[in-house]
Structures are given as structure tokens and as C-alpha cells.
């Protein structure tokens, strides 16, 4: 079990293209579910943020935000 003080850190030797990265996370809506969790944690910390998730064809799939200006 991971405690509340856990931190995720890492590196990629070669960053994949946007399309390749989307394909990696495509299964079972993983990217959307993961992003919702990230957004929730950022919001709980009071951090203003906006996360956009796009399909491999460039279609906006999710727009997650907290305290983001409406006119953005």
C-alpha cells in the first residue's frame, strides 16, 4: 500500500510522439482515469491547473481543471 507521502518520479530516455504516447495509454481509458486522479490531487492541494486529453486523431476527450479562468 502506498502512503500519503509517496512521490512518483522518473525519466524517459526517448520521449514518444503524442500519438505513440496516446496508444500506450489507450487501453481501458487508462489515461483519462489517471488524469482524473492527478487533477483531483492537484485540486486537493489547492493548485490551479488544466489538463487536456486528446485522442490519437486530435479530438479533445477530456478537459480537467481546477480554479481555471473561464475566459481561457
PDB file of N, CA and C in Angstrom:
ATOM      1  N   UNK A   1       0.833  -1.188   0.000  1.00  0.00           N
ATOM      2  CA  UNK A   1       0.000   0.000   0.000  1.00  0.00           C
ATOM      3  C   UNK A   1       0.875   1.247   0.000  1.00  0.00           C
ATOM      4  N   UNK A   2       0.463   2.247  -0.741  1.00  0.00           N
ATOM      5  CA  UNK A   2       1.211   3.496  -0.836  1.00  0.00           C
ATOM      6  C   UNK A   2       0.657   4.490   0.179  1.00  0.00           C
ATOM      7  N   UNK A   3       1.534   5.150   0.919  1.00  0.00           N
ATOM      8  CA  UNK A   3       1.056   6.126   1.899  1.00  0.00           C
ATOM      9  C   UNK A   3       0.902   7.507   1.271  1.00  0.00           C
ATOM     10  N   UNK A   4       0.383   8.456   2.028  1.00  0.00           N
ATOM     11  CA  UNK A   4       0.099   9.792   1.512  1.00  0.00           C
ATOM     12  C   UNK A   4       1.348  10.608   1.201  1.00  0.00           C
ATOM     13  N   UNK A   5       2.501  10.164   1.654  1.00  0.00           N
ATOM     14  CA  UNK A   5       3.741  10.899   1.406  1.00  0.00           C
ATOM     15  C   UNK A   5       4.503  10.371   0.199  1.00  0.00           C
ATOM     16  N   UNK A   6       3.895   9.463  -0.545  1.00  0.00           N
ATOM     17  CA  UNK A   6       4.568   8.873  -1.694  1.00  0.00           C
ATOM     18  C   UNK A   6       4.744   9.902  -2.807  1.00  0.00           C
ATOM     19  N   UNK A   7       5.807   9.735  -3.570  1.00  0.00           N
ATOM     20  CA  UNK A   7       6.119  10.621  -4.683  1.00  0.00           C
ATOM     21  C   UNK A   7       6.491   9.758  -5.888  1.00  0.00           C
ATOM     22  N   UNK A   8       5.962  10.122  -7.044  1.00  0.00           N
ATOM     23  CA  UNK A   8       6.324   9.438  -8.281  1.00  0.00           C
ATOM     24  C   UNK A   8       7.334  10.302  -9.020  1.00  0.00           C
ATOM     25  N   UNK A   9       8.416   9.690  -9.437  1.00  0.00           N
ATOM     26  CA  UNK A   9       9.423  10.395 -10.204  1.00  0.00           C
ATOM     27  C   UNK A   9       9.977   9.442 -11.254  1.00  0.00           C
ATOM     28  N   UNK A  10      10.467   9.974 -12.346  1.00  0.00           N
ATOM     29  CA  UNK A  10      11.003   9.105 -13.373  1.00  0.00           C
ATOM     30  C   UNK A  10      11.492   9.872 -14.581  1.00  0.00           C
ATOM     31  N   UNK A  11      12.010   9.150 -15.541  1.00  0.00           N
ATOM     32  CA  UNK A  11      12.522   9.732 -16.770  1.00  0.00           C
ATOM     33  C   UNK A  11      12.229   8.794 -17.930  1.00  0.00           C
ATOM     34  N   UNK A  12      12.205   9.317 -19.111  1.00  0.00           N
ATOM     35  CA  UNK A  12      12.144   8.520 -20.334  1.00  0.00           C
ATOM     36  C   UNK A  12      13.386   8.832 -21.150  1.00  0.00           C
ATOM     37  N   UNK A  13      14.062   7.802 -21.607  1.00  0.00           N
ATOM     38  CA  UNK A  13      15.261   8.018 -22.412  1.00  0.00           C
ATOM     39  C   UNK A  13      14.904   8.695 -23.731  1.00  0.00           C
ATOM     40  N   UNK A  14      13.809   8.228 -24.334  1.00  0.00           N
ATOM     41  CA  UNK A  14      13.340   8.813 -25.594  1.00  0.00           C
ATOM     42  C   UNK A  14      11.851   9.069 -25.470  1.00  0.00           C
ATOM     43  N   UNK A  15      11.460  10.335 -25.468  1.00  0.00           N
ATOM     44  CA  UNK A  15      10.056  10.681 -25.314  1.00  0.00           C
ATOM     45  C   UNK A  15       9.300  10.287 -26.576  1.00  0.00           C
ATOM     46  N   UNK A  16       8.201   9.504 -26.424  1.00  0.00           N
ATOM     47  CA  UNK A  16       7.441   9.099 -27.602  1.00  0.00           C
ATOM     48  C   UNK A  16       6.662  10.274 -28.198  1.00  0.00           C
ATOM     49  N   UNK A  17       6.247  10.113 -29.436  1.00  0.00           N
ATOM     50  CA  UNK A  17       5.411  11.139 -30.063  1.00  0.00           C
ATOM     51  C   UNK A  17       4.069  11.177 -29.344  1.00  0.00           C
ATOM     52  N   UNK A  18       3.315  12.232 -29.564  1.00  0.00           N
ATOM     53  CA  UNK A  18       1.991  12.377 -28.957  1.00  0.00           C
ATOM     54  C   UNK A  18       1.103  11.185 -29.310  1.00  0.00           C
ATOM     55  N   UNK A  19       1.116  10.775 -30.558  1.00  0.00           N
ATOM     56  CA  UNK A  19       0.299   9.641 -30.999  1.00  0.00           C
ATOM     57  C   UNK A  19       0.752   8.340 -30.346  1.00  0.00           C
ATOM     58  N   UNK A  20       2.046   8.129 -30.269  1.00  0.00           N
ATOM     59  CA  UNK A  20       2.570   6.909 -29.660  1.00  0.00           C
ATOM     60  C   UNK A  20       2.233   6.860 -28.168  1.00  0.00           C
ATOM     61  N   UNK A  21       2.344   7.987 -27.491  1.00  0.00           N
ATOM     62  CA  UNK A  21       2.010   8.049 -26.076  1.00  0.00           C
ATOM     63  C   UNK A  21       0.524   7.775 -25.864  1.00  0.00           C
ATOM     64  N   UNK A  22      -0.316   8.331 -26.724  1.00  0.00           N
ATOM     65  CA  UNK A  22      -1.754   8.077 -26.640  1.00  0.00           C
ATOM     66  C   UNK A  22      -2.040   6.591 -26.795  1.00  0.00           C
ATOM     67  N   UNK A  23      -1.341   5.929 -27.693  1.00  0.00           N
ATOM     68  CA  UNK A  23      -1.550   4.491 -27.918  1.00  0.00           C
ATOM     69  C   UNK A  23      -1.136   3.677 -26.695  1.00  0.00           C
ATOM     70  N   UNK A  24      -0.083   4.086 -26.043  1.00  0.00           N
ATOM     71  CA  UNK A  24       0.394   3.390 -24.844  1.00  0.00           C
ATOM     72  C   UNK A  24      -0.688   3.388 -23.764  1.00  0.00           C
ATOM     73  N   UNK A  25      -1.382   4.519 -23.600  1.00  0.00           N
ATOM     74  CA  UNK A  25      -2.359   4.668 -22.529  1.00  0.00           C
ATOM     75  C   UNK A  25      -3.808   4.439 -22.966  1.00  0.00           C
ATOM     76  N   UNK A  26      -4.005   4.030 -24.190  1.00  0.00           N
ATOM     77  CA  UNK A  26      -5.358   3.906 -24.734  1.00  0.00           C
ATOM     78  C   UNK A  26      -6.217   2.855 -24.031  1.00  0.00           C
ATOM     79  N   UNK A  27      -5.644   1.752 -23.629  1.00  0.00           N
ATOM     80  CA  UNK A  27      -6.431   0.637 -23.115  1.00  0.00           C
ATOM     81  C   UNK A  27      -7.257   1.021 -21.896  1.00  0.00           C
ATOM     82  N   UNK A  28      -8.530   0.645 -21.956  1.00  0.00           N
ATOM     83  CA  UNK A  28      -9.470   0.793 -20.841  1.00  0.00           C
ATOM     84  C   UNK A  28      -9.586   2.216 -20.305  1.00  0.00           C
ATOM     85  N   UNK A  29      -9.354   3.195 -21.129  1.00  0.00           N
ATOM     86  CA  UNK A  29      -9.495   4.576 -20.664  1.00  0.00           C
ATOM     87  C   UNK A  29      -8.490   4.942 -19.586  1.00  0.00           C
ATOM     88  N   UNK A  30      -7.362   4.256 -19.570  1.00  0.00           N
ATOM     89  CA  UNK A  30      -6.367   4.458 -18.520  1.00  0.00           C
ATOM     90  C   UNK A  30      -5.935   5.911 -18.393  1.00  0.00           C
ATOM     91  N   UNK A  31      -5.673   6.554 -19.506  1.00  0.00           N
ATOM     92  CA  UNK A  31      -5.167   7.927 -19.446  1.00  0.00           C
ATOM     93  C   UNK A  31      -6.177   8.869 -18.817  1.00  0.00           C
ATOM     94  N   UNK A  32      -7.444   8.719 -19.175  1.00  0.00           N
ATOM     95  CA  UNK A  32      -8.483   9.581 -18.596  1.00  0.00           C
ATOM     96  C   UNK A  32      -8.603   9.319 -17.103  1.00  0.00           C
ATOM     97  N   UNK A  33      -8.649   8.061 -16.700  1.00  0.00           N
ATOM     98  CA  UNK A  33      -8.770   7.720 -15.283  1.00  0.00           C
ATOM     99  C   UNK A  33      -7.567   8.240 -14.493  1.00  0.00           C
ATOM    100  N   UNK A  34      -6.376   8.052 -15.040  1.00  0.00           N
ATOM    101  CA  UNK A  34      -5.165   8.527 -14.377  1.00  0.00           C
ATOM    102  C   UNK A  34      -5.176  10.050 -14.264  1.00  0.00           C
ATOM    103  N   UNK A  35      -5.571  10.724 -15.327  1.00  0.00           N
ATOM    104  CA  UNK A  35      -5.594  12.186 -15.339  1.00  0.00           C
ATOM    105  C   UNK A  35      -6.609  12.738 -14.351  1.00  0.00           C
ATOM    106  N   UNK A  36      -7.738  12.066 -14.210  1.00  0.00           N
ATOM    107  CA  UNK A  36      -8.739  12.497 -13.220  1.00  0.00           C
ATOM    108  C   UNK A  36      -8.163  12.416 -11.815  1.00  0.00           C
ATOM    109  N   UNK A  37      -7.412  11.365 -11.559  1.00  0.00           N
ATOM    110  CA  UNK A  37      -6.784  11.211 -10.240  1.00  0.00           C
ATOM    111  C   UNK A  37      -5.744  12.312 -10.011  1.00  0.00           C
ATOM    112  N   UNK A  38      -4.949  12.582 -11.024  1.00  0.00           N
ATOM    113  CA  UNK A  38      -3.951  13.655 -10.927  1.00  0.00           C
ATOM    114  C   UNK A  38      -4.649  14.989 -10.682  1.00  0.00           C
ATOM    115  N   UNK A  39      -5.712  15.268 -11.436  1.00  0.00           N
ATOM    116  CA  UNK A  39      -6.448  16.518 -11.286  1.00  0.00           C
ATOM    117  C   UNK A  39      -7.031  16.642  -9.876  1.00  0.00           C
ATOM    118  N   UNK A  40      -7.596  15.554  -9.384  1.00  0.00           N
ATOM    119  CA  UNK A  40      -8.169  15.569  -8.033  1.00  0.00           C
ATOM    120  C   UNK A  40      -7.103  15.886  -6.992  1.00  0.00           C
ATOM    121  N   UNK A  41      -5.941  15.262  -7.122  1.00  0.00           N
ATOM    122  CA  UNK A  41      -4.862  15.515  -6.164  1.00  0.00           C
ATOM    123  C   UNK A  41      -4.349  16.946  -6.247  1.00  0.00           C
ATOM    124  N   UNK A  42      -4.219  17.472  -7.457  1.00  0.00           N
ATOM    125  CA  UNK A  42      -3.796  18.864  -7.613  1.00  0.00           C
ATOM    126  C   UNK A  42      -4.818  19.810  -7.004  1.00  0.00           C
ATOM    127  N   UNK A  43      -6.098  19.537  -7.249  1.00  0.00           N
ATOM    128  CA  UNK A  43      -7.165  20.370  -6.689  1.00  0.00           C
ATOM    129  C   UNK A  43      -7.163  20.310  -5.161  1.00  0.00           C
ATOM    130  N   UNK A  44      -7.001  19.113  -4.615  1.00  0.00           N
ATOM    131  CA  UNK A  44      -6.956  18.960  -3.159  1.00  0.00           C
ATOM    132  C   UNK A  44      -5.803  19.739  -2.541  1.00  0.00           C
ATOM    133  N   UNK A  45      -4.741  19.919  -3.303  1.00  0.00           N
ATOM    134  CA  UNK A  45      -3.590  20.694  -2.832  1.00  0.00           C
ATOM    135  C   UNK A  45      -3.782  22.189  -3.090  1.00  0.00           C
ATOM    136  N   UNK A  46      -4.920  22.547  -3.715  1.00  0.00           N
ATOM    137  CA  UNK A  46      -5.205  23.950  -3.989  1.00  0.00           C
ATOM    138  C   UNK A  46      -4.433  24.510  -5.168  1.00  0.00           C
ATOM    139  N   UNK A  47      -3.960  23.640  -6.052  1.00  0.00           N
ATOM    140  CA  UNK A  47      -3.172  24.090  -7.199  1.00  0.00           C
ATOM    141  C   UNK A  47      -4.067  24.294  -8.417  1.00  0.00           C
ATOM    142  N   UNK A  48      -4.046  25.500  -8.952  1.00  0.00           N
ATOM    143  CA  UNK A  48      -4.796  25.795 -10.171  1.00  0.00           C
ATOM    144  C   UNK A  48      -4.151  25.054 -11.329  1.00  0.00           C
ATOM    145  N   UNK A  49      -4.975  24.371 -12.110  1.00  0.00           N
ATOM    146  CA  UNK A  49      -4.421  23.593 -13.212  1.00  0.00           C
ATOM    147  C   UNK A  49      -5.483  23.346 -14.275  1.00  0.00           C
ATOM    148  N   UNK A  50      -5.015  22.925 -15.415  1.00  0.00           N
ATOM    149  CA  UNK A  50      -5.874  22.483 -16.510  1.00  0.00           C
ATOM    150  C   UNK A  50      -5.140  21.371 -17.245  1.00  0.00           C
ATOM    151  N   UNK A  51      -5.813  20.245 -17.409  1.00  0.00           N
ATOM    152  CA  UNK A  51      -5.256  19.103 -18.129  1.00  0.00           C
ATOM    153  C   UNK A  51      -6.183  18.808 -19.303  1.00  0.00           C
ATOM    154  N   UNK A  52      -5.640  18.711 -20.482  1.00  0.00           N
ATOM    155  CA  UNK A  52      -6.422  18.370 -21.670  1.00  0.00           C
ATOM    156  C   UNK A  52      -5.957  17.016 -22.174  1.00  0.00           C
ATOM    157  N   UNK A  53      -6.917  16.169 -22.520  1.00  0.00           N
ATOM    158  CA  UNK A  53      -6.600  14.849 -23.065  1.00  0.00           C
ATOM    159  C   UNK A  53      -7.180  14.785 -24.470  1.00  0.00           C
ATOM    160  N   UNK A  54      -6.340  14.423 -25.416  1.00  0.00           N
ATOM    161  CA  UNK A  54      -6.745  14.331 -26.818  1.00  0.00           C
ATOM    162  C   UNK A  54      -6.633  12.901 -27.304  1.00  0.00           C
ATOM    163  N   UNK A  55      -7.537  12.525 -28.204  1.00  0.00           N
ATOM    164  CA  UNK A  55      -7.458  11.211 -28.839  1.00  0.00           C
ATOM    165  C   UNK A  55      -6.287  11.221 -29.816  1.00  0.00           C
ATOM    166  N   UNK A  56      -5.983  10.052 -30.365  1.00  0.00           N
ATOM    167  CA  UNK A  56      -4.915   9.945 -31.355  1.00  0.00           C
ATOM    168  C   UNK A  56      -5.190  10.742 -32.610  1.00  0.00           C
ATOM    169  N   UNK A  57      -6.473  11.084 -32.840  1.00  0.00           N
ATOM    170  CA  UNK A  57      -6.842  11.882 -34.012  1.00  0.00           C
ATOM    171  C   UNK A  57      -6.937  13.367 -33.689  1.00  0.00           C
ATOM    172  N   UNK A  58      -6.573  13.746 -32.468  1.00  0.00           N
ATOM    173  CA  UNK A  58      -6.559  15.156 -32.097  1.00  0.00           C
ATOM    174  C   UNK A  58      -7.862  15.674 -31.519  1.00  0.00           C
ATOM    175  N   UNK A  59      -8.837  14.793 -31.264  1.00  0.00           N
ATOM    176  CA  UNK A  59     -10.127  15.204 -30.693  1.00  0.00           C
ATOM    177  C   UNK A  59      -9.990  15.334 -29.179  1.00  0.00           C
ATOM    178  N   UNK A  60     -10.505  16.453 -28.634  1.00  0.00           N
ATOM    179  CA  UNK A  60     -10.475  16.646 -27.192  1.00  0.00           C
ATOM    180  C   UNK A  60     -11.388  15.621 -26.534  1.00  0.00           C
ATOM    181  N   UNK A  61     -10.829  14.817 -25.646  1.00  0.00           N
ATOM    182  CA  UNK A  61     -11.579  13.758 -24.968  1.00  0.00           C
ATOM    183  C   UNK A  61     -11.995  14.207 -23.574  1.00  0.00           C
ATOM    184  N   UNK A  62     -11.123  14.938 -22.884  1.00  0.00           N
ATOM    185  CA  UNK A  62     -11.418  15.403 -21.533  1.00  0.00           C
ATOM    186  C   UNK A  62     -10.675  16.705 -21.272  1.00  0.00           C
ATOM    187  N   UNK A  63     -11.324  17.566 -20.529  1.00  0.00           N
ATOM    188  CA  UNK A  63     -10.748  18.843 -20.113  1.00  0.00           C
ATOM    189  C   UNK A  63     -10.944  18.933 -18.608  1.00  0.00           C
ATOM    190  N   UNK A  64      -9.901  18.646 -17.866  1.00  0.00           N
ATOM    191  CA  UNK A  64      -9.970  18.610 -16.405  1.00  0.00           C
ATOM    192  C   UNK A  64      -9.284  19.845 -15.863  1.00  0.00           C
ATOM    193  N   UNK A  65      -9.938  20.501 -14.914  1.00  0.00           N
ATOM    194  CA  UNK A  65      -9.349  21.737 -14.400  1.00  0.00           C
ATOM    195  C   UNK A  65      -9.834  22.028 -12.990  1.00  0.00           C
ATOM    196  N   UNK A  66      -9.122  22.915 -12.339  1.00  0.00           N
ATOM    197  CA  UNK A  66      -9.494  23.405 -11.014  1.00  0.00           C
ATOM    198  C   UNK A  66      -9.126  24.877 -10.945  1.00  0.00           C
ATOM    199  N   UNK A  67     -10.117  25.690 -10.604  1.00  0.00           N
ATOM    200  CA  UNK A  67      -9.896  27.122 -10.402  1.00  0.00           C
ATOM    201  C   UNK A  67      -9.287  27.787 -11.641  1.00  0.00           C
ATOM    202  N   UNK A  68      -9.621  27.268 -12.827  1.00  0.00           N
ATOM    203  CA  UNK A  68      -9.088  27.809 -14.075  1.00  0.00           C
ATOM    204  C   UNK A  68      -9.987  28.943 -14.554  1.00  0.00           C
ATOM    205  N   UNK A  69      -9.430  30.049 -15.042  1.00  0.00           N
ATOM    206  CA  UNK A  69     -10.261  31.171 -15.521  1.00  0.00           C
ATOM    207  C   UNK A  69     -11.206  30.731 -16.626  1.00  0.00           C
ATOM    208  N   UNK A  70     -12.463  31.177 -16.573  1.00  0.00           N
ATOM    209  CA  UNK A  70     -13.468  30.781 -17.563  1.00  0.00           C
ATOM    210  C   UNK A  70     -13.182  31.364 -18.944  1.00  0.00           C
ATOM    211  N   UNK A  71     -12.466  32.468 -19.015  1.00  0.00           N
ATOM    212  CA  UNK A  71     -12.225  33.112 -20.302  1.00  0.00           C
ATOM    213  C   UNK A  71     -10.971  32.585 -20.995  1.00  0.00           C
ATOM    214  N   UNK A  72     -10.368  31.527 -20.457  1.00  0.00           N
ATOM    215  CA  UNK A  72      -9.156  30.966 -21.047  1.00  0.00           C
ATOM    216  C   UNK A  72      -9.456  30.262 -22.322  1.00  0.00           C
TER     217      UNK A  72
END
